[in-house]
Amino acid sequence: MLFCLFKWEKEGSTTKYLSIVSTLLTLVFVVEVLMKAIAFTLRGYWQSRRNRYDLFVTLMGVGWLTFWHLLGGQGVIPLNTQ
């Protein structure tokens, strides 16, 4: 969401800063999911729809970060390899 507020520059310092912030916040959510799963047990965690939604959003964030860092921060998958 923070990326929407700033001009997109592939090599800009703002982009690097925001990707670091996004990574740290996603890690906080991963820790939250793990702590809740430990506290409630997996069965208790899964009973709440809110927890399922949190898990879905967290996994989407982890997926986005994985692609972002695997692509070297380019943010797009190159379709034309010529």
PDB file of N, CA and C in Angstrom:
ATOM      1  N   MET A   1       0.816  -1.189   0.000  1.00  0.00           N
ATOM      2  CA  MET A   1       0.000   0.000   0.000  1.00  0.00           C
ATOM      3  C   MET A   1       0.868   1.265   0.000  1.00  0.00           C
ATOM      4  N   LEU A   2       1.996   1.214   0.688  1.00  0.00           N
ATOM      5  CA  LEU A   2       2.848   2.398   0.739  1.00  0.00           C
ATOM      6  C   LEU A   2       3.435   2.734  -0.625  1.00  0.00           C
ATOM      7  N   PHE A   3       3.568   1.709  -1.491  1.00  0.00           N
ATOM      8  CA  PHE A   3       4.122   1.955  -2.814  1.00  0.00           C
ATOM      9  C   PHE A   3       3.215   2.869  -3.632  1.00  0.00           C
ATOM     10  N   CYS A   4       1.929   2.910  -3.320  1.00  0.00           N
ATOM     11  CA  CYS A   4       0.980   3.739  -4.059  1.00  0.00           C
ATOM     12  C   CYS A   4       1.167   5.226  -3.770  1.00  0.00           C
ATOM     13  N   LEU A   5       1.820   5.568  -2.692  1.00  0.00           N
ATOM     14  CA  LEU A   5       1.932   6.956  -2.274  1.00  0.00           C
ATOM     15  C   LEU A   5       3.147   7.672  -2.849  1.00  0.00           C
ATOM     16  N   PHE A   6       4.064   6.918  -3.450  1.00  0.00           N
ATOM     17  CA  PHE A   6       5.302   7.509  -3.927  1.00  0.00           C
ATOM     18  C   PHE A   6       5.494   7.220  -5.407  1.00  0.00           C
ATOM     19  N   LYS A   7       6.245   8.089  -6.063  1.00  0.00           N
ATOM     20  CA  LYS A   7       6.556   7.885  -7.466  1.00  0.00           C
ATOM     21  C   LYS A   7       7.421   6.638  -7.611  1.00  0.00           C
ATOM     22  N   TRP A   8       7.093   5.795  -8.591  1.00  0.00           N
ATOM     23  CA  TRP A   8       7.807   4.548  -8.790  1.00  0.00           C
ATOM     24  C   TRP A   8       9.118   4.821  -9.505  1.00  0.00           C
ATOM     25  N   GLU A   9      10.208   4.477  -8.855  1.00  0.00           N
ATOM     26  CA  GLU A   9      11.530   4.533  -9.452  1.00  0.00           C
ATOM     27  C   GLU A   9      12.197   3.207  -9.153  1.00  0.00           C
ATOM     28  N   LYS A  10      12.530   2.494 -10.195  1.00  0.00           N
ATOM     29  CA  LYS A  10      13.059   1.146 -10.045  1.00  0.00           C
ATOM     30  C   LYS A  10      14.303   1.111  -9.166  1.00  0.00           C
ATOM     31  N   GLU A  11      15.179   2.063  -9.330  1.00  0.00           N
ATOM     32  CA  GLU A  11      16.429   2.109  -8.567  1.00  0.00           C
ATOM     33  C   GLU A  11      16.406   3.179  -7.473  1.00  0.00           C
ATOM     34  N   GLY A  12      15.240   3.726  -7.181  1.00  0.00           N
ATOM     35  CA  GLY A  12      15.153   4.813  -6.218  1.00  0.00           C
ATOM     36  C   GLY A  12      15.342   4.365  -4.784  1.00  0.00           C
ATOM     37  N   SER A  13      15.823   5.279  -3.953  1.00  0.00           N
ATOM     38  CA  SER A  13      16.036   4.956  -2.537  1.00  0.00           C
ATOM     39  C   SER A  13      14.703   4.743  -1.822  1.00  0.00           C
ATOM     40  N   THR A  14      13.654   5.442  -2.269  1.00  0.00           N
ATOM     41  CA  THR A  14      12.337   5.275  -1.646  1.00  0.00           C
ATOM     42  C   THR A  14      11.824   3.862  -1.865  1.00  0.00           C
ATOM     43  N   THR A  15      12.026   3.314  -3.052  1.00  0.00           N
ATOM     44  CA  THR A  15      11.580   1.958  -3.350  1.00  0.00           C
ATOM     45  C   THR A  15      12.296   0.947  -2.463  1.00  0.00           C
ATOM     46  N   LYS A  16      13.578   1.113  -2.289  1.00  0.00           N
ATOM     47  CA  LYS A  16      14.343   0.200  -1.436  1.00  0.00           C
ATOM     48  C   LYS A  16      13.884   0.306   0.017  1.00  0.00           C
ATOM     49  N   TYR A  17      13.673   1.545   0.482  1.00  0.00           N
ATOM     50  CA  TYR A  17      13.207   1.758   1.852  1.00  0.00           C
ATOM     51  C   TYR A  17      11.847   1.112   2.072  1.00  0.00           C
ATOM     52  N   LEU A  18      10.927   1.313   1.143  1.00  0.00           N
ATOM     53  CA  LEU A  18       9.589   0.760   1.297  1.00  0.00           C
ATOM     54  C   LEU A  18       9.584  -0.761   1.216  1.00  0.00           C
ATOM     55  N   SER A  19      10.466  -1.329   0.407  1.00  0.00           N
ATOM     56  CA  SER A  19      10.527  -2.789   0.357  1.00  0.00           C
ATOM     57  C   SER A  19      11.070  -3.358   1.666  1.00  0.00           C
ATOM     58  N   ILE A  20      11.983  -2.654   2.302  1.00  0.00           N
ATOM     59  CA  ILE A  20      12.491  -3.081   3.612  1.00  0.00           C
ATOM     60  C   ILE A  20      11.392  -3.000   4.660  1.00  0.00           C
ATOM     61  N   VAL A  21      10.644  -1.902   4.653  1.00  0.00           N
ATOM     62  CA  VAL A  21       9.532  -1.743   5.601  1.00  0.00           C
ATOM     63  C   VAL A  21       8.486  -2.837   5.376  1.00  0.00           C
ATOM     64  N   SER A  22       8.170  -3.099   4.118  1.00  0.00           N
ATOM     65  CA  SER A  22       7.195  -4.140   3.799  1.00  0.00           C
ATOM     66  C   SER A  22       7.671  -5.508   4.269  1.00  0.00           C
ATOM     67  N   THR A  23       8.938  -5.797   4.079  1.00  0.00           N
ATOM     68  CA  THR A  23       9.499  -7.066   4.530  1.00  0.00           C
ATOM     69  C   THR A  23       9.410  -7.201   6.048  1.00  0.00           C
ATOM     70  N   LEU A  24       9.776  -6.152   6.758  1.00  0.00           N
ATOM     71  CA  LEU A  24       9.729  -6.200   8.227  1.00  0.00           C
ATOM     72  C   LEU A  24       8.307  -6.370   8.744  1.00  0.00           C
ATOM     73  N   LEU A  25       7.351  -5.657   8.163  1.00  0.00           N
ATOM     74  CA  LEU A  25       5.962  -5.779   8.606  1.00  0.00           C
ATOM     75  C   LEU A  25       5.401  -7.161   8.297  1.00  0.00           C
ATOM     76  N   THR A  26       5.767  -7.713   7.162  1.00  0.00           N
ATOM     77  CA  THR A  26       5.307  -9.068   6.834  1.00  0.00           C
ATOM     78  C   THR A  26       5.889 -10.079   7.810  1.00  0.00           C
ATOM     79  N   LEU A  27       7.141  -9.888   8.201  1.00  0.00           N
ATOM     80  CA  LEU A  27       7.737 -10.777   9.198  1.00  0.00           C
ATOM     81  C   LEU A  27       7.016 -10.680  10.545  1.00  0.00           C
ATOM     82  N   VAL A  28       6.572  -9.490  10.899  1.00  0.00           N
ATOM     83  CA  VAL A  28       5.786  -9.322  12.129  1.00  0.00           C
ATOM     84  C   VAL A  28       4.495 -10.131  12.035  1.00  0.00           C
ATOM     85  N   PHE A  29       3.836 -10.104  10.878  1.00  0.00           N
ATOM     86  CA  PHE A  29       2.597 -10.862  10.710  1.00  0.00           C
ATOM     87  C   PHE A  29       2.856 -12.363  10.717  1.00  0.00           C
ATOM     88  N   VAL A  30       3.980 -12.800  10.174  1.00  0.00           N
ATOM     89  CA  VAL A  30       4.331 -14.221  10.216  1.00  0.00           C
ATOM     90  C   VAL A  30       4.524 -14.662  11.663  1.00  0.00           C
ATOM     91  N   VAL A  31       5.204 -13.847  12.448  1.00  0.00           N
ATOM     92  CA  VAL A  31       5.403 -14.164  13.865  1.00  0.00           C
ATOM     93  C   VAL A  31       4.059 -14.204  14.585  1.00  0.00           C
ATOM     94  N   GLU A  32       3.157 -13.273  14.258  1.00  0.00           N
ATOM     95  CA  GLU A  32       1.829 -13.275  14.876  1.00  0.00           C
ATOM     96  C   GLU A  32       1.073 -14.566  14.563  1.00  0.00           C
ATOM     97  N   VAL A  33       1.096 -14.990  13.310  1.00  0.00           N
ATOM     98  CA  VAL A  33       0.414 -16.226  12.919  1.00  0.00           C
ATOM     99  C   VAL A  33       0.998 -17.411  13.678  1.00  0.00           C
ATOM    100  N   LEU A  34       2.321 -17.484  13.755  1.00  0.00           N
ATOM    101  CA  LEU A  34       2.955 -18.589  14.464  1.00  0.00           C
ATOM    102  C   LEU A  34       2.617 -18.589  15.956  1.00  0.00           C
ATOM    103  N   MET A  35       2.626 -17.405  16.573  1.00  0.00           N
ATOM    104  CA  MET A  35       2.307 -17.325  17.998  1.00  0.00           C
ATOM    105  C   MET A  35       0.859 -17.729  18.273  1.00  0.00           C
ATOM    106  N   LYS A  36      -0.063 -17.289  17.416  1.00  0.00           N
ATOM    107  CA  LYS A  36      -1.462 -17.669  17.596  1.00  0.00           C
ATOM    108  C   LYS A  36      -1.656 -19.170  17.391  1.00  0.00           C
ATOM    109  N   ALA A  37      -0.960 -19.734  16.395  1.00  0.00           N
ATOM    110  CA  ALA A  37      -1.093 -21.166  16.139  1.00  0.00           C
ATOM    111  C   ALA A  37      -0.560 -21.971  17.318  1.00  0.00           C
ATOM    112  N   ILE A  38       0.489 -21.500  17.943  1.00  0.00           N
ATOM    113  CA  ILE A  38       1.032 -22.182  19.122  1.00  0.00           C
ATOM    114  C   ILE A  38       0.091 -22.019  20.316  1.00  0.00           C
ATOM    115  N   ALA A  39      -0.429 -20.812  20.509  1.00  0.00           N
ATOM    116  CA  ALA A  39      -1.280 -20.538  21.671  1.00  0.00           C
ATOM    117  C   ALA A  39      -2.627 -21.252  21.584  1.00  0.00           C
ATOM    118  N   PHE A  40      -3.230 -21.267  20.394  1.00  0.00           N
ATOM    119  CA  PHE A  40      -4.573 -21.842  20.233  1.00  0.00           C
ATOM    120  C   PHE A  40      -4.553 -23.286  19.749  1.00  0.00           C
ATOM    121  N   THR A  41      -3.405 -23.829  19.431  1.00  0.00           N
ATOM    122  CA  THR A  41      -3.218 -25.079  18.695  1.00  0.00           C
ATOM    123  C   THR A  41      -3.746 -24.880  17.271  1.00  0.00           C
ATOM    124  N   LEU A  42      -3.320 -25.722  16.376  1.00  0.00           N
ATOM    125  CA  LEU A  42      -3.724 -25.540  14.976  1.00  0.00           C
ATOM    126  C   LEU A  42      -5.236 -25.660  14.794  1.00  0.00           C
ATOM    127  N   ARG A  43      -5.851 -26.586  15.528  1.00  0.00           N
ATOM    128  CA  ARG A  43      -7.316 -26.750  15.417  1.00  0.00           C
ATOM    129  C   ARG A  43      -8.046 -25.506  15.926  1.00  0.00           C
ATOM    130  N   GLY A  44      -7.620 -24.989  17.062  1.00  0.00           N
ATOM    131  CA  GLY A  44      -8.252 -23.790  17.597  1.00  0.00           C
ATOM    132  C   GLY A  44      -8.008 -22.567  16.728  1.00  0.00           C
ATOM    133  N   TYR A  45      -6.818 -22.477  16.168  1.00  0.00           N
ATOM    134  CA  TYR A  45      -6.495 -21.355  15.279  1.00  0.00           C
ATOM    135  C   TYR A  45      -7.382 -21.382  14.038  1.00  0.00           C
ATOM    136  N   TRP A  46      -7.592 -22.556  13.480  1.00  0.00           N
ATOM    137  CA  TRP A  46      -8.327 -22.683  12.227  1.00  0.00           C
ATOM    138  C   TRP A  46      -9.825 -22.462  12.412  1.00  0.00           C
ATOM    139  N   GLN A  47     -10.349 -22.549  13.635  1.00  0.00           N
ATOM    140  CA  GLN A  47     -11.783 -22.383  13.875  1.00  0.00           C
ATOM    141  C   GLN A  47     -12.252 -20.952  13.635  1.00  0.00           C
ATOM    142  N   SER A  48     -11.385 -19.987  13.793  1.00  0.00           N
ATOM    143  CA  SER A  48     -11.769 -18.589  13.619  1.00  0.00           C
ATOM    144  C   SER A  48     -11.604 -18.162  12.170  1.00  0.00           C
ATOM    145  N   ARG A  49     -12.646 -17.598  11.595  1.00  0.00           N
ATOM    146  CA  ARG A  49     -12.561 -17.094  10.222  1.00  0.00           C
ATOM    147  C   ARG A  49     -11.579 -15.930  10.117  1.00  0.00           C
ATOM    148  N   ARG A  50     -11.507 -15.148  11.156  1.00  0.00           N
ATOM    149  CA  ARG A  50     -10.563 -14.021  11.163  1.00  0.00           C
ATOM    150  C   ARG A  50      -9.123 -14.524  11.088  1.00  0.00           C
ATOM    151  N   ASN A  51      -8.829 -15.594  11.814  1.00  0.00           N
ATOM    152  CA  ASN A  51      -7.485 -16.166  11.747  1.00  0.00           C
ATOM    153  C   ASN A  51      -7.188 -16.744  10.369  1.00  0.00           C
ATOM    154  N   ARG A  52      -8.187 -17.359   9.745  1.00  0.00           N
ATOM    155  CA  ARG A  52      -7.979 -17.884   8.394  1.00  0.00           C
ATOM    156  C   ARG A  52      -7.690 -16.760   7.414  1.00  0.00           C
ATOM    157  N   TYR A  53      -8.416 -15.664   7.559  1.00  0.00           N
ATOM    158  CA  TYR A  53      -8.178 -14.507   6.695  1.00  0.00           C
ATOM    159  C   TYR A  53      -6.778 -13.930   6.952  1.00  0.00           C
ATOM    160  N   ASP A  54      -6.386 -13.807   8.204  1.00  0.00           N
ATOM    161  CA  ASP A  54      -5.035 -13.331   8.538  1.00  0.00           C
ATOM    162  C   ASP A  54      -3.967 -14.226   7.922  1.00  0.00           C
ATOM    163  N   LEU A  55      -4.184 -15.532   7.984  1.00  0.00           N
ATOM    164  CA  LEU A  55      -3.236 -16.471   7.394  1.00  0.00           C
ATOM    165  C   LEU A  55      -3.155 -16.272   5.886  1.00  0.00           C
ATOM    166  N   PHE A  56      -4.303 -16.109   5.236  1.00  0.00           N
ATOM    167  CA  PHE A  56      -4.333 -15.893   3.791  1.00  0.00           C
ATOM    168  C   PHE A  56      -3.574 -14.625   3.409  1.00  0.00           C
ATOM    169  N   VAL A  57      -3.853 -13.533   4.103  1.00  0.00           N
ATOM    170  CA  VAL A  57      -3.189 -12.260   3.799  1.00  0.00           C
ATOM    171  C   VAL A  57      -1.684 -12.362   4.054  1.00  0.00           C
ATOM    172  N   THR A  58      -1.308 -13.017   5.128  1.00  0.00           N
ATOM    173  CA  THR A  58       0.106 -13.179   5.444  1.00  0.00           C
ATOM    174  C   THR A  58       0.808 -14.022   4.385  1.00  0.00           C
ATOM    175  N   LEU A  59       0.177 -15.098   3.941  1.00  0.00           N
ATOM    176  CA  LEU A  59       0.780 -15.928   2.898  1.00  0.00           C
ATOM    177  C   LEU A  59       0.892 -15.175   1.573  1.00  0.00           C
ATOM    178  N   MET A  60      -0.087 -14.337   1.263  1.00  0.00           N
ATOM    179  CA  MET A  60       0.005 -13.516   0.051  1.00  0.00           C
ATOM    180  C   MET A  60       1.172 -12.535   0.163  1.00  0.00           C
ATOM    181  N   GLY A  61       1.361 -11.959   1.331  1.00  0.00           N
ATOM    182  CA  GLY A  61       2.490 -11.055   1.545  1.00  0.00           C
ATOM    183  C   GLY A  61       3.824 -11.766   1.432  1.00  0.00           C
ATOM    184  N   VAL A  62       3.903 -12.963   1.977  1.00  0.00           N
ATOM    185  CA  VAL A  62       5.137 -13.744   1.872  1.00  0.00           C
ATOM    186  C   VAL A  62       5.398 -14.105   0.414  1.00  0.00           C
ATOM    187  N   GLY A  63       4.347 -14.460  -0.315  1.00  0.00           N
ATOM    188  CA  GLY A  63       4.499 -14.761  -1.735  1.00  0.00           C
ATOM    189  C   GLY A  63       4.990 -13.565  -2.522  1.00  0.00           C
ATOM    190  N   TRP A  64       4.417 -12.399  -2.255  1.00  0.00           N
ATOM    191  CA  TRP A  64       4.843 -11.182  -2.943  1.00  0.00           C
ATOM    192  C   TRP A  64       6.307 -10.882  -2.640  1.00  0.00           C
ATOM    193  N   LEU A  65       6.685 -10.990  -1.366  1.00  0.00           N
ATOM    194  CA  LEU A  65       8.075 -10.726  -0.997  1.00  0.00           C
ATOM    195  C   LEU A  65       9.038 -11.723  -1.638  1.00  0.00           C
ATOM    196  N   THR A  66       8.610 -12.975  -1.721  1.00  0.00           N
ATOM    197  CA  THR A  66       9.449 -13.982  -2.352  1.00  0.00           C
ATOM    198  C   THR A  66       9.713 -13.614  -3.802  1.00  0.00           C
ATOM    199  N   PHE A  67       8.662 -13.281  -4.540  1.00  0.00           N
ATOM    200  CA  PHE A  67       8.842 -12.884  -5.936  1.00  0.00           C
ATOM    201  C   PHE A  67       9.662 -11.612  -6.049  1.00  0.00           C
ATOM    202  N   TRP A  68       9.406 -10.650  -5.179  1.00  0.00           N
ATOM    203  CA  TRP A  68      10.116  -9.378  -5.229  1.00  0.00           C
ATOM    204  C   TRP A  68      11.620  -9.590  -5.065  1.00  0.00           C
ATOM    205  N   HIS A  69      11.997 -10.371  -4.061  1.00  0.00           N
ATOM    206  CA  HIS A  69      13.415 -10.569  -3.792  1.00  0.00           C
ATOM    207  C   HIS A  69      14.070 -11.536  -4.786  1.00  0.00           C
ATOM    208  N   LEU A  70      13.332 -12.512  -5.279  1.00  0.00           N
ATOM    209  CA  LEU A  70      13.892 -13.412  -6.281  1.00  0.00           C
ATOM    210  C   LEU A  70      14.162 -12.697  -7.597  1.00  0.00           C
ATOM    211  N   LEU A  71      13.340 -11.690  -7.900  1.00  0.00           N
ATOM    212  CA  LEU A  71      13.514 -10.937  -9.142  1.00  0.00           C
ATOM    213  C   LEU A  71      14.472  -9.769  -8.962  1.00  0.00           C
ATOM    214  N   GLY A  72      15.097  -9.681  -7.839  1.00  0.00           N
ATOM    215  CA  GLY A  72      16.067  -8.619  -7.607  1.00  0.00           C
ATOM    216  C   GLY A  72      15.443  -7.255  -7.422  1.00  0.00           C
ATOM    217  N   GLY A  73      14.221  -7.203  -6.952  1.00  0.00           N
ATOM    218  CA  GLY A  73      13.564  -5.923  -6.716  1.00  0.00           C
ATOM    219  C   GLY A  73      13.006  -5.281  -7.957  1.00  0.00           C
ATOM    220  N   GLN A  74      12.897  -6.033  -9.057  1.00  0.00           N
ATOM    221  CA  GLN A  74      12.353  -5.456 -10.282  1.00  0.00           C
ATOM    222  C   GLN A  74      10.842  -5.303 -10.191  1.00  0.00           C
ATOM    223  N   GLY A  75      10.193  -6.196  -9.488  1.00  0.00           N
ATOM    224  CA  GLY A  75       8.765  -6.066  -9.268  1.00  0.00           C
ATOM    225  C   GLY A  75       7.888  -6.601 -10.381  1.00  0.00           C
ATOM    226  N   VAL A  76       8.457  -7.023 -11.497  1.00  0.00           N
ATOM    227  CA  VAL A  76       7.672  -7.592 -12.582  1.00  0.00           C
ATOM    228  C   VAL A  76       8.392  -8.827 -13.093  1.00  0.00           C
ATOM    229  N   ILE A  77       7.630  -9.752 -13.617  1.00  0.00           N
ATOM    230  CA  ILE A  77       8.212 -10.942 -14.216  1.00  0.00           C
ATOM    231  C   ILE A  77       8.478 -10.652 -15.688  1.00  0.00           C
ATOM    232  N   PRO A  78       9.712 -10.765 -16.123  1.00  0.00           N
ATOM    233  CA  PRO A  78       9.997 -10.492 -17.531  1.00  0.00           C
ATOM    234  C   PRO A  78       9.380 -11.554 -18.427  1.00  0.00           C
ATOM    235  N   LEU A  79       8.464 -11.136 -19.313  1.00  0.00           N
ATOM    236  CA  LEU A  79       7.782 -12.073 -20.175  1.00  0.00           C
ATOM    237  C   LEU A  79       8.568 -12.341 -21.450  1.00  0.00           C
ATOM    238  N   ASN A  80       9.305 -11.372 -21.928  1.00  0.00           N
ATOM    239  CA  ASN A  80      10.086 -11.498 -23.148  1.00  0.00           C
ATOM    240  C   ASN A  80      11.546 -11.682 -22.773  1.00  0.00           C
ATOM    241  N   THR A  81      12.087 -12.867 -23.043  1.00  0.00           N
ATOM    242  CA  THR A  81      13.467 -13.153 -22.636  1.00  0.00           C
ATOM    243  C   THR A  81      14.473 -12.947 -23.752  1.00  0.00           C
ATOM    244  N   GLN A  82      14.070 -12.326 -24.846  1.00  0.00           N
ATOM    245  CA  GLN A  82      14.992 -12.094 -25.973  1.00  0.00           C
ATOM    246  C   GLN A  82      15.916 -10.947 -25.714  1.00  0.00           C
TER     247      GLN A  82
END
